[in-house]
Amino acid sequence: MALLSEDEQRQVAEAIHRVERETDAELVTVLAPRADNYAYIPLLWAGLLALVVPGAVNYFPGWLTAYELTLAQWATFIVLGLVFRLPTITTRLIPQSVRHWRAANLARRQFLEQNLHHTEGETGMLIFVSEAERYVEILVDRGISARIDDEAWQSIVAAFTRRVQAGETLKGFLECIEACGEHLKEQVPATHERNELPNHLIVLD
């Protein structure tokens, strides 16, 4: 799963700059390859499946000795533990509710870490994407939420999520920024020139 190239990141920055010329809102975009490494998931599934081995072998009495059964159980655990560590497989083993919960937590941490709660007029906005989880969220500070209802962002998030699912993250960012800009310039218009936070796309490791 490839993140955006330098040229694509530049396009996102330019889109933010265009929007911020017409609004007092401060937009920050964050792109994460995944919200968590889920290190415990492969071991959990491998352990559960390894526990099934003795029961399955019981259908074939005398097929394996106790020693051989133990080796088979350990081999199952080790092999599956390694296979399940492949990112594409790990993601499929995690319930969507867990993936989205982890992504939502990371989005909120980024809102604080990027100082979006300290902007003048409380007009910070975060556009957050976690690619592995196919998760998109828009978070805004009180200066924006007081003027624009959260429902205004729902259709924008849904459209962006479809773009991420289709592997069109750049197009999703550009469309999202433009759509957000339409609401912001109407409800939170520019009153003076300022740029408190960086416009470039923040790509997490």
C-alpha atoms as a PDB file:
ATOM      1  CA  MET A   1       0.000   0.000   0.000  1.00  0.00           C
ATOM      2  CA  ALA A   2       1.824   3.083  -1.272  1.00  0.00           C
ATOM      3  CA  LEU A   3       1.387   6.422   0.444  1.00  0.00           C
ATOM      4  CA  LEU A   4       1.327   9.645  -1.542  1.00  0.00           C
ATOM      5  CA  SER A   5       4.381  10.766  -3.490  1.00  0.00           C
ATOM      6  CA  GLU A   6       6.037  14.134  -2.956  1.00  0.00           C
ATOM      7  CA  ASP A   7       4.219  15.594  -5.966  1.00  0.00           C
ATOM      8  CA  GLU A   8       0.881  14.313  -4.669  1.00  0.00           C
ATOM      9  CA  GLN A   9       1.594  15.736  -1.230  1.00  0.00           C
ATOM     10  CA  ARG A  10       2.352  19.085  -2.881  1.00  0.00           C
ATOM     11  CA  GLN A  11      -1.068  19.003  -4.560  1.00  0.00           C
ATOM     12  CA  VAL A  12      -2.714  18.496  -1.171  1.00  0.00           C
ATOM     13  CA  ALA A  13      -0.770  21.435   0.304  1.00  0.00           C
ATOM     14  CA  GLU A  14      -1.803  23.670  -2.593  1.00  0.00           C
ATOM     15  CA  ALA A  15      -5.449  22.693  -2.145  1.00  0.00           C
ATOM     16  CA  ILE A  16      -5.274  23.608   1.554  1.00  0.00           C
ATOM     17  CA  HIS A  17      -3.643  26.950   0.702  1.00  0.00           C
ATOM     18  CA  ARG A  18      -6.441  27.796  -1.755  1.00  0.00           C
ATOM     19  CA  VAL A  19      -9.134  27.038   0.819  1.00  0.00           C
ATOM     20  CA  GLU A  20      -7.436  28.930   3.665  1.00  0.00           C
ATOM     21  CA  ARG A  21      -7.347  32.113   1.582  1.00  0.00           C
ATOM     22  CA  GLU A  22     -11.138  32.274   1.931  1.00  0.00           C
ATOM     23  CA  THR A  23     -11.634  31.142   5.524  1.00  0.00           C
ATOM     24  CA  ASP A  24     -10.308  31.677   9.032  1.00  0.00           C
ATOM     25  CA  ALA A  25     -10.263  27.907   9.528  1.00  0.00           C
ATOM     26  CA  GLU A  26      -6.901  26.183   9.892  1.00  0.00           C
ATOM     27  CA  LEU A  27      -6.855  22.893   7.972  1.00  0.00           C
ATOM     28  CA  VAL A  28      -4.418  20.108   8.810  1.00  0.00           C
ATOM     29  CA  THR A  29      -4.315  16.827   6.896  1.00  0.00           C
ATOM     30  CA  VAL A  30      -2.855  13.628   8.336  1.00  0.00           C
ATOM     31  CA  LEU A  31      -2.290  10.351   6.492  1.00  0.00           C
ATOM     32  CA  ALA A  32      -1.389   7.185   8.407  1.00  0.00           C
ATOM     33  CA  PRO A  33      -0.481   3.869   6.741  1.00  0.00           C
ATOM     34  CA  ARG A  34      -2.222   2.090   9.652  1.00  0.00           C
ATOM     35  CA  ALA A  35      -3.545   3.066  13.066  1.00  0.00           C
ATOM     36  CA  ASP A  36      -1.810   0.263  15.004  1.00  0.00           C
ATOM     37  CA  ASN A  37       0.639  -2.567  14.358  1.00  0.00           C
ATOM     38  CA  TYR A  38      -1.792  -5.020  15.986  1.00  0.00           C
ATOM     39  CA  ALA A  39       1.178  -7.116  17.144  1.00  0.00           C
ATOM     40  CA  TYR A  40      -0.968  -9.260  19.415  1.00  0.00           C
ATOM     41  CA  ILE A  41      -3.496 -10.256  16.728  1.00  0.00           C
ATOM     42  CA  PRO A  42      -1.326 -12.816  14.816  1.00  0.00           C
ATOM     43  CA  LEU A  43      -0.301 -14.520  18.072  1.00  0.00           C
ATOM     44  CA  LEU A  44      -3.868 -14.585  19.344  1.00  0.00           C
ATOM     45  CA  TRP A  45      -5.248 -16.273  16.230  1.00  0.00           C
ATOM     46  CA  ALA A  46      -2.280 -18.626  15.906  1.00  0.00           C
ATOM     47  CA  GLY A  47      -2.693 -19.680  19.532  1.00  0.00           C
ATOM     48  CA  LEU A  48      -6.422 -20.303  19.169  1.00  0.00           C
ATOM     49  CA  LEU A  49      -5.980 -22.411  16.040  1.00  0.00           C
ATOM     50  CA  ALA A  50      -3.072 -24.344  17.574  1.00  0.00           C
ATOM     51  CA  LEU A  51      -5.371 -25.295  20.445  1.00  0.00           C
ATOM     52  CA  VAL A  52      -7.721 -26.895  17.922  1.00  0.00           C
ATOM     53  CA  VAL A  53      -5.027 -29.308  16.691  1.00  0.00           C
ATOM     54  CA  PRO A  54      -5.352 -31.895  19.510  1.00  0.00           C
ATOM     55  CA  GLY A  55      -9.119 -32.028  19.107  1.00  0.00           C
ATOM     56  CA  ALA A  56      -8.842 -32.477  15.342  1.00  0.00           C
ATOM     57  CA  VAL A  57      -6.277 -35.264  15.704  1.00  0.00           C
ATOM     58  CA  ASN A  58      -8.564 -37.120  18.118  1.00  0.00           C
ATOM     59  CA  TYR A  59     -10.688 -38.037  15.136  1.00  0.00           C
ATOM     60  CA  PHE A  60      -7.779 -40.237  14.026  1.00  0.00           C
ATOM     61  CA  PRO A  61      -6.871 -42.390  17.089  1.00  0.00           C
ATOM     62  CA  GLY A  62      -3.289 -43.562  17.145  1.00  0.00           C
ATOM     63  CA  TRP A  63      -2.319 -41.284  14.272  1.00  0.00           C
ATOM     64  CA  LEU A  64       0.174 -39.266  16.359  1.00  0.00           C
ATOM     65  CA  THR A  65       1.964 -39.963  19.610  1.00  0.00           C
ATOM     66  CA  ALA A  66       1.764 -37.433  22.441  1.00  0.00           C
ATOM     67  CA  TYR A  67       5.231 -36.172  21.547  1.00  0.00           C
ATOM     68  CA  GLU A  68       4.355 -35.792  17.859  1.00  0.00           C
ATOM     69  CA  LEU A  69       1.111 -34.083  18.771  1.00  0.00           C
ATOM     70  CA  THR A  70       2.987 -31.531  20.848  1.00  0.00           C
ATOM     71  CA  LEU A  71       5.385 -30.864  17.967  1.00  0.00           C
ATOM     72  CA  ALA A  72       2.457 -30.466  15.570  1.00  0.00           C
ATOM     73  CA  GLN A  73       0.799 -28.011  17.921  1.00  0.00           C
ATOM     74  CA  TRP A  74       3.951 -25.902  18.276  1.00  0.00           C
ATOM     75  CA  ALA A  75       4.601 -26.024  14.531  1.00  0.00           C
ATOM     76  CA  THR A  76       1.037 -24.849  13.862  1.00  0.00           C
ATOM     77  CA  PHE A  77       1.468 -21.963  16.297  1.00  0.00           C
ATOM     78  CA  ILE A  78       4.820 -20.843  14.830  1.00  0.00           C
ATOM     79  CA  VAL A  79       3.840 -21.129  11.159  1.00  0.00           C
ATOM     80  CA  LEU A  80       0.478 -19.410  11.568  1.00  0.00           C
ATOM     81  CA  GLY A  81       2.029 -16.759  13.805  1.00  0.00           C
ATOM     82  CA  LEU A  82       4.418 -15.862  10.972  1.00  0.00           C
ATOM     83  CA  VAL A  83       1.821 -16.044   8.203  1.00  0.00           C
ATOM     84  CA  PHE A  84      -0.677 -13.944  10.122  1.00  0.00           C
ATOM     85  CA  ARG A  85       1.943 -11.201  10.545  1.00  0.00           C
ATOM     86  CA  LEU A  86       1.630 -10.336   6.849  1.00  0.00           C
ATOM     87  CA  PRO A  87      -0.080  -6.899   6.865  1.00  0.00           C
ATOM     88  CA  THR A  88      -2.806  -7.825   4.371  1.00  0.00           C
ATOM     89  CA  ILE A  89      -3.729 -10.909   6.395  1.00  0.00           C
ATOM     90  CA  THR A  90      -3.449  -9.199   9.791  1.00  0.00           C
ATOM     91  CA  THR A  91      -5.937  -6.522   8.733  1.00  0.00           C
ATOM     92  CA  ARG A  92      -8.473  -9.162   7.683  1.00  0.00           C
ATOM     93  CA  LEU A  93      -8.235 -10.869  11.069  1.00  0.00           C
ATOM     94  CA  ILE A  94      -9.255  -7.738  12.972  1.00  0.00           C
ATOM     95  CA  PRO A  95     -12.947  -6.889  13.443  1.00  0.00           C
ATOM     96  CA  GLN A  96     -13.916  -3.640  11.761  1.00  0.00           C
ATOM     97  CA  SER A  97     -15.105  -2.205  15.067  1.00  0.00           C
ATOM     98  CA  VAL A  98     -11.618  -2.696  16.554  1.00  0.00           C
ATOM     99  CA  ARG A  99      -9.873  -1.213  13.506  1.00  0.00           C
ATOM    100  CA  HIS A 100     -12.110   1.842  13.493  1.00  0.00           C
ATOM    101  CA  TRP A 101     -11.763   2.280  17.260  1.00  0.00           C
ATOM    102  CA  ARG A 102      -7.959   2.341  16.971  1.00  0.00           C
ATOM    103  CA  ALA A 103      -8.095   4.728  13.995  1.00  0.00           C
ATOM    104  CA  ALA A 104     -10.499   7.063  15.814  1.00  0.00           C
ATOM    105  CA  ASN A 105      -8.158   7.145  18.827  1.00  0.00           C
ATOM    106  CA  LEU A 106      -5.212   8.034  16.608  1.00  0.00           C
ATOM    107  CA  ALA A 107      -7.234  10.796  14.915  1.00  0.00           C
ATOM    108  CA  ARG A 108      -7.993  12.383  18.269  1.00  0.00           C
ATOM    109  CA  ARG A 109      -4.372  12.170  19.359  1.00  0.00           C
ATOM    110  CA  GLN A 110      -3.323  13.882  16.148  1.00  0.00           C
ATOM    111  CA  PHE A 111      -5.845  16.654  16.701  1.00  0.00           C
ATOM    112  CA  LEU A 112      -4.104  17.455  19.970  1.00  0.00           C
ATOM    113  CA  GLU A 113      -0.540  16.835  18.784  1.00  0.00           C
ATOM    114  CA  GLN A 114      -0.980  19.167  15.808  1.00  0.00           C
ATOM    115  CA  ASN A 115      -2.222  21.925  18.171  1.00  0.00           C
ATOM    116  CA  LEU A 116      -5.558  22.230  16.415  1.00  0.00           C
ATOM    117  CA  HIS A 117      -7.184  23.040  19.753  1.00  0.00           C
ATOM    118  CA  HIS A 118      -4.976  26.112  20.206  1.00  0.00           C
ATOM    119  CA  THR A 119      -5.806  28.116  17.081  1.00  0.00           C
ATOM    120  CA  GLU A 120      -7.085  31.672  17.200  1.00  0.00           C
ATOM    121  CA  GLY A 121     -10.866  31.608  17.314  1.00  0.00           C
ATOM    122  CA  GLU A 122     -10.811  27.825  17.894  1.00  0.00           C
ATOM    123  CA  THR A 123     -11.133  27.176  14.154  1.00  0.00           C
ATOM    124  CA  GLY A 124      -8.889  24.142  13.727  1.00  0.00           C
ATOM    125  CA  MET A 125      -9.949  21.330  11.390  1.00  0.00           C
ATOM    126  CA  LEU A 126      -8.329  17.904  11.003  1.00  0.00           C
ATOM    127  CA  ILE A 127      -8.836  15.700   7.957  1.00  0.00           C
ATOM    128  CA  PHE A 128      -7.534  12.293   9.008  1.00  0.00           C
ATOM    129  CA  VAL A 129      -7.047   9.130   6.945  1.00  0.00           C
ATOM    130  CA  SER A 130      -5.771   5.707   7.986  1.00  0.00           C
ATOM    131  CA  GLU A 131      -5.309   3.653   4.826  1.00  0.00           C
ATOM    132  CA  ALA A 132      -5.083   0.108   6.209  1.00  0.00           C
ATOM    133  CA  GLU A 133      -8.317   0.605   8.139  1.00  0.00           C
ATOM    134  CA  ARG A 134      -9.970   2.436   5.218  1.00  0.00           C
ATOM    135  CA  TYR A 135     -10.901   5.051   7.800  1.00  0.00           C
ATOM    136  CA  VAL A 136     -11.609   8.745   7.265  1.00  0.00           C
ATOM    137  CA  GLU A 137     -12.631  11.300   9.878  1.00  0.00           C
ATOM    138  CA  ILE A 138     -13.052  15.062  10.048  1.00  0.00           C
ATOM    139  CA  LEU A 139     -12.590  16.681  13.451  1.00  0.00           C
ATOM    140  CA  VAL A 140     -13.239  20.380  14.097  1.00  0.00           C
ATOM    141  CA  ASP A 141     -12.770  22.701  17.042  1.00  0.00           C
ATOM    142  CA  ARG A 142     -15.563  24.653  18.746  1.00  0.00           C
ATOM    143  CA  GLY A 143     -15.225  27.733  16.557  1.00  0.00           C
ATOM    144  CA  ILE A 144     -16.298  25.665  13.557  1.00  0.00           C
ATOM    145  CA  SER A 145     -18.728  23.237  15.207  1.00  0.00           C
ATOM    146  CA  ALA A 146     -20.673  26.191  16.620  1.00  0.00           C
ATOM    147  CA  ARG A 147     -21.386  27.390  13.064  1.00  0.00           C
ATOM    148  CA  ILE A 148     -21.461  24.167  11.038  1.00  0.00           C
ATOM    149  CA  ASP A 149     -23.333  21.061  12.165  1.00  0.00           C
ATOM    150  CA  ASP A 150     -21.393  17.781  12.190  1.00  0.00           C
ATOM    151  CA  GLU A 151     -23.889  16.330   9.701  1.00  0.00           C
ATOM    152  CA  ALA A 152     -22.382  18.609   7.053  1.00  0.00           C
ATOM    153  CA  TRP A 153     -19.219  16.519   7.084  1.00  0.00           C
ATOM    154  CA  GLN A 154     -20.867  13.100   6.935  1.00  0.00           C
ATOM    155  CA  SER A 155     -21.406  12.963   3.173  1.00  0.00           C
ATOM    156  CA  ILE A 156     -17.892  14.329   2.602  1.00  0.00           C
ATOM    157  CA  VAL A 157     -16.396  11.614   4.827  1.00  0.00           C
ATOM    158  CA  ALA A 158     -18.481   8.920   3.084  1.00  0.00           C
ATOM    159  CA  ALA A 159     -17.287  10.044  -0.363  1.00  0.00           C
ATOM    160  CA  PHE A 160     -13.662  10.217   0.810  1.00  0.00           C
ATOM    161  CA  THR A 161     -13.916   6.740   2.363  1.00  0.00           C
ATOM    162  CA  ARG A 162     -15.064   5.332  -0.979  1.00  0.00           C
ATOM    163  CA  ARG A 163     -12.032   6.923  -2.641  1.00  0.00           C
ATOM    164  CA  VAL A 164      -9.674   5.366  -0.078  1.00  0.00           C
ATOM    165  CA  GLN A 165     -11.301   1.956  -0.560  1.00  0.00           C
ATOM    166  CA  ALA A 166     -10.760   2.322  -4.303  1.00  0.00           C
ATOM    167  CA  GLY A 167      -7.088   3.246  -3.816  1.00  0.00           C
ATOM    168  CA  GLU A 168      -7.680   6.870  -4.860  1.00  0.00           C
ATOM    169  CA  THR A 169      -6.439   8.591  -1.717  1.00  0.00           C
ATOM    170  CA  LEU A 170      -5.074  11.687  -3.483  1.00  0.00           C
ATOM    171  CA  LYS A 171      -8.321  12.305  -5.350  1.00  0.00           C
ATOM    172  CA  GLY A 172     -10.192  11.794  -2.102  1.00  0.00           C
ATOM    173  CA  PHE A 173      -8.062  14.385  -0.302  1.00  0.00           C
ATOM    174  CA  LEU A 174      -8.492  16.979  -3.045  1.00  0.00           C
ATOM    175  CA  GLU A 175     -12.257  16.486  -3.270  1.00  0.00           C
ATOM    176  CA  CYS A 176     -12.605  16.523   0.512  1.00  0.00           C
ATOM    177  CA  ILE A 177     -10.596  19.717   0.958  1.00  0.00           C
ATOM    178  CA  GLU A 178     -12.583  21.455  -1.778  1.00  0.00           C
ATOM    179  CA  ALA A 179     -15.927  20.303  -0.322  1.00  0.00           C
ATOM    180  CA  CYS A 180     -14.929  21.407   3.176  1.00  0.00           C
ATOM    181  CA  GLY A 181     -13.817  24.722   1.747  1.00  0.00           C
ATOM    182  CA  GLU A 182     -17.296  25.402   0.362  1.00  0.00           C
ATOM    183  CA  HIS A 183     -18.799  25.136   3.853  1.00  0.00           C
ATOM    184  CA  LEU A 184     -15.976  27.018   5.542  1.00  0.00           C
ATOM    185  CA  LYS A 185     -15.842  30.043   3.279  1.00  0.00           C
ATOM    186  CA  GLU A 186     -19.588  30.515   3.776  1.00  0.00           C
ATOM    187  CA  GLN A 187     -19.802  29.940   7.531  1.00  0.00           C
ATOM    188  CA  VAL A 188     -16.250  30.786   8.677  1.00  0.00           C
ATOM    189  CA  PRO A 189     -15.117  33.382   6.123  1.00  0.00           C
ATOM    190  CA  ALA A 190     -11.688  34.965   6.185  1.00  0.00           C
ATOM    191  CA  THR A 191     -11.501  38.093   8.312  1.00  0.00           C
ATOM    192  CA  HIS A 192      -7.747  38.593   8.157  1.00  0.00           C
ATOM    193  CA  GLU A 193      -4.712  36.908   6.658  1.00  0.00           C
ATOM    194  CA  ARG A 194      -3.062  34.288   8.875  1.00  0.00           C
ATOM    195  CA  ASN A 195      -1.531  30.848   8.688  1.00  0.00           C
ATOM    196  CA  GLU A 196      -0.942  29.374  12.130  1.00  0.00           C
ATOM    197  CA  LEU A 197      -0.395  25.741  11.168  1.00  0.00           C
ATOM    198  CA  PRO A 198       1.512  24.048   8.321  1.00  0.00           C
ATOM    199  CA  ASN A 199      -0.376  23.318   5.123  1.00  0.00           C
ATOM    200  CA  HIS A 200       1.642  20.299   4.056  1.00  0.00           C
ATOM    201  CA  LEU A 201       0.241  16.786   4.370  1.00  0.00           C
ATOM    202  CA  ILE A 202       1.525  15.086   7.513  1.00  0.00           C
ATOM    203  CA  VAL A 203       2.416  11.458   6.769  1.00  0.00           C
ATOM    204  CA  LEU A 204       2.864   9.291   9.847  1.00  0.00           C
ATOM    205  CA  ASP A 205       5.429   6.479   9.980  1.00  0.00           C
END
